[in-house]
């Protein structure tokens, strides 16, 4: 990813809307202002978050 590039995506289900914004950076994941470890406290949930971001 280029240094100043930003990727924006939206997902919808029924009346819910999820938005994600990805930029080049330190790799820190924040969800609603909280670290993802705090938001998802168990290892299986944390792995589910990280799995799509890991490259082969």
N, C-alpha and C. Protein backbone atom coordinates (compact mmCIF):
# COMPACT_ATOMS: atom_id res chain seq x y z
N UNK A 1 0.85 -1.16 0.00
CA UNK A 1 0.00 0.00 0.00
C UNK A 1 0.90 1.23 0.00
N UNK A 2 0.57 2.20 -0.83
CA UNK A 2 1.34 3.44 -0.89
C UNK A 2 1.23 4.18 0.44
N UNK A 3 2.21 5.02 0.73
CA UNK A 3 2.28 5.67 2.03
C UNK A 3 1.05 6.52 2.36
N UNK A 4 0.53 7.26 1.40
CA UNK A 4 -0.60 8.15 1.68
C UNK A 4 -1.93 7.60 1.17
N UNK A 5 -1.98 6.34 0.80
CA UNK A 5 -3.20 5.74 0.27
C UNK A 5 -4.11 5.32 1.42
N UNK A 6 -5.40 5.51 1.23
CA UNK A 6 -6.40 5.10 2.21
C UNK A 6 -7.43 4.23 1.50
N UNK A 7 -7.77 3.08 2.10
CA UNK A 7 -8.78 2.19 1.55
C UNK A 7 -10.01 2.28 2.44
N UNK A 8 -11.15 2.55 1.82
CA UNK A 8 -12.41 2.69 2.55
C UNK A 8 -13.38 1.63 2.03
N UNK A 9 -14.06 0.92 2.95
CA UNK A 9 -15.04 -0.09 2.55
C UNK A 9 -16.26 0.00 3.47
N UNK A 10 -17.40 -0.41 2.94
CA UNK A 10 -18.65 -0.40 3.69
C UNK A 10 -19.33 -1.75 3.54
N UNK A 11 -19.88 -2.26 4.64
CA UNK A 11 -20.64 -3.50 4.61
C UNK A 11 -22.00 -3.26 5.24
N UNK A 12 -23.03 -3.84 4.65
CA UNK A 12 -24.39 -3.64 5.16
C UNK A 12 -25.08 -4.99 5.37
N UNK A 13 -25.92 -5.03 6.39
CA UNK A 13 -26.76 -6.21 6.67
C UNK A 13 -28.02 -5.71 7.35
N UNK A 14 -29.14 -5.93 6.70
CA UNK A 14 -30.43 -5.41 7.19
C UNK A 14 -30.29 -3.90 7.38
N UNK A 15 -30.45 -3.40 8.59
CA UNK A 15 -30.34 -1.95 8.80
C UNK A 15 -28.99 -1.53 9.37
N UNK A 16 -28.08 -2.48 9.57
CA UNK A 16 -26.77 -2.16 10.13
C UNK A 16 -25.79 -1.76 9.04
N UNK A 17 -24.88 -0.88 9.39
CA UNK A 17 -23.84 -0.44 8.46
C UNK A 17 -22.51 -0.50 9.19
N UNK A 18 -21.51 -1.13 8.57
CA UNK A 18 -20.15 -1.18 9.11
C UNK A 18 -19.22 -0.49 8.12
N UNK A 19 -18.37 0.38 8.63
CA UNK A 19 -17.41 1.07 7.77
C UNK A 19 -16.01 0.80 8.29
N UNK A 20 -15.07 0.60 7.36
CA UNK A 20 -13.68 0.39 7.74
C UNK A 20 -12.81 1.31 6.90
N UNK A 21 -11.77 1.83 7.53
CA UNK A 21 -10.82 2.69 6.84
C UNK A 21 -9.43 2.17 7.17
N UNK A 22 -8.68 1.81 6.14
CA UNK A 22 -7.33 1.26 6.34
C UNK A 22 -6.31 2.21 5.73
N UNK A 23 -5.27 2.49 6.51
CA UNK A 23 -4.16 3.32 6.05
C UNK A 23 -2.86 2.64 6.43
N UNK A 24 -1.80 2.99 5.73
CA UNK A 24 -0.48 2.48 6.10
C UNK A 24 -0.12 3.04 7.46
N UNK A 25 0.47 2.22 8.31
CA UNK A 25 0.80 2.71 9.65
C UNK A 25 1.52 1.67 10.47
N UNK A 26 1.31 1.74 11.77
CA UNK A 26 2.03 0.89 12.72
C UNK A 26 1.42 -0.50 12.85
N UNK A 27 0.22 -0.71 12.34
CA UNK A 27 -0.44 -2.00 12.47
C UNK A 27 -1.40 -2.05 13.65
N UNK A 28 -1.56 -0.94 14.35
CA UNK A 28 -2.48 -0.87 15.48
C UNK A 28 -3.92 -0.93 14.97
N UNK A 29 -4.75 -1.75 15.61
CA UNK A 29 -6.16 -1.89 15.22
C UNK A 29 -7.02 -1.29 16.31
N UNK A 30 -7.82 -0.28 15.95
CA UNK A 30 -8.74 0.36 16.88
C UNK A 30 -10.17 0.10 16.43
N UNK A 31 -11.05 -0.20 17.38
CA UNK A 31 -12.47 -0.39 17.11
C UNK A 31 -13.22 0.50 18.08
N UNK A 32 -13.93 1.48 17.55
CA UNK A 32 -14.68 2.43 18.37
C UNK A 32 -13.81 3.05 19.47
N UNK A 33 -12.56 3.39 19.12
CA UNK A 33 -11.67 4.05 20.07
C UNK A 33 -10.99 3.12 21.06
N UNK A 34 -11.20 1.82 20.95
CA UNK A 34 -10.57 0.85 21.86
C UNK A 34 -9.67 -0.07 21.06
N UNK A 35 -8.62 -0.61 21.70
CA UNK A 35 -7.77 -1.58 21.03
C UNK A 35 -8.58 -2.85 20.76
N UNK A 36 -8.20 -3.58 19.70
CA UNK A 36 -9.00 -4.76 19.38
C UNK A 36 -8.85 -5.84 20.45
N UNK A 37 -7.73 -5.85 21.20
CA UNK A 37 -7.57 -6.81 22.30
C UNK A 37 -8.57 -6.53 23.42
N UNK A 38 -8.85 -5.26 23.65
CA UNK A 38 -9.83 -4.89 24.67
C UNK A 38 -11.26 -5.15 24.17
N UNK A 39 -11.49 -4.89 22.90
CA UNK A 39 -12.83 -5.06 22.32
C UNK A 39 -13.19 -6.54 22.18
N UNK A 40 -12.20 -7.37 21.76
CA UNK A 40 -12.38 -8.82 21.64
C UNK A 40 -11.44 -9.49 22.64
N UNK A 41 -11.91 -9.82 23.85
CA UNK A 41 -11.02 -10.26 24.91
C UNK A 41 -10.49 -11.70 24.79
N UNK A 42 -11.09 -12.55 23.97
CA UNK A 42 -10.63 -13.94 23.89
C UNK A 42 -9.80 -14.16 22.63
N UNK A 43 -8.87 -15.12 22.72
CA UNK A 43 -7.98 -15.41 21.61
C UNK A 43 -8.71 -15.83 20.33
N UNK A 44 -9.76 -16.67 20.39
CA UNK A 44 -10.45 -17.03 19.14
C UNK A 44 -11.05 -15.82 18.42
N UNK A 45 -11.61 -14.89 19.17
CA UNK A 45 -12.16 -13.69 18.54
C UNK A 45 -11.06 -12.82 17.95
N UNK A 46 -9.94 -12.69 18.66
CA UNK A 46 -8.81 -11.91 18.15
C UNK A 46 -8.26 -12.53 16.87
N UNK A 47 -8.17 -13.86 16.82
CA UNK A 47 -7.71 -14.54 15.61
C UNK A 47 -8.66 -14.31 14.45
N UNK A 48 -9.96 -14.28 14.71
CA UNK A 48 -10.94 -14.02 13.65
C UNK A 48 -10.76 -12.63 13.07
N UNK A 49 -10.37 -11.67 13.90
CA UNK A 49 -10.13 -10.30 13.43
C UNK A 49 -8.86 -10.24 12.58
N UNK A 50 -7.82 -10.91 13.03
CA UNK A 50 -6.52 -10.82 12.35
C UNK A 50 -6.42 -11.68 11.09
N UNK A 51 -7.18 -12.75 11.00
CA UNK A 51 -7.05 -13.69 9.90
C UNK A 51 -7.16 -13.05 8.52
N UNK A 52 -8.14 -12.19 8.23
CA UNK A 52 -8.21 -11.61 6.89
C UNK A 52 -7.06 -10.65 6.58
N UNK A 53 -6.37 -10.17 7.61
CA UNK A 53 -5.29 -9.20 7.40
C UNK A 53 -3.93 -9.85 7.20
N UNK A 54 -3.82 -11.14 7.50
CA UNK A 54 -2.54 -11.84 7.37
C UNK A 54 -2.34 -12.31 5.94
N UNK A 55 -1.10 -12.17 5.46
CA UNK A 55 -0.78 -12.61 4.11
C UNK A 55 -0.16 -14.00 4.15
N UNK A 56 -0.27 -14.69 3.06
CA UNK A 56 0.26 -16.05 2.97
C UNK A 56 1.74 -16.00 2.71
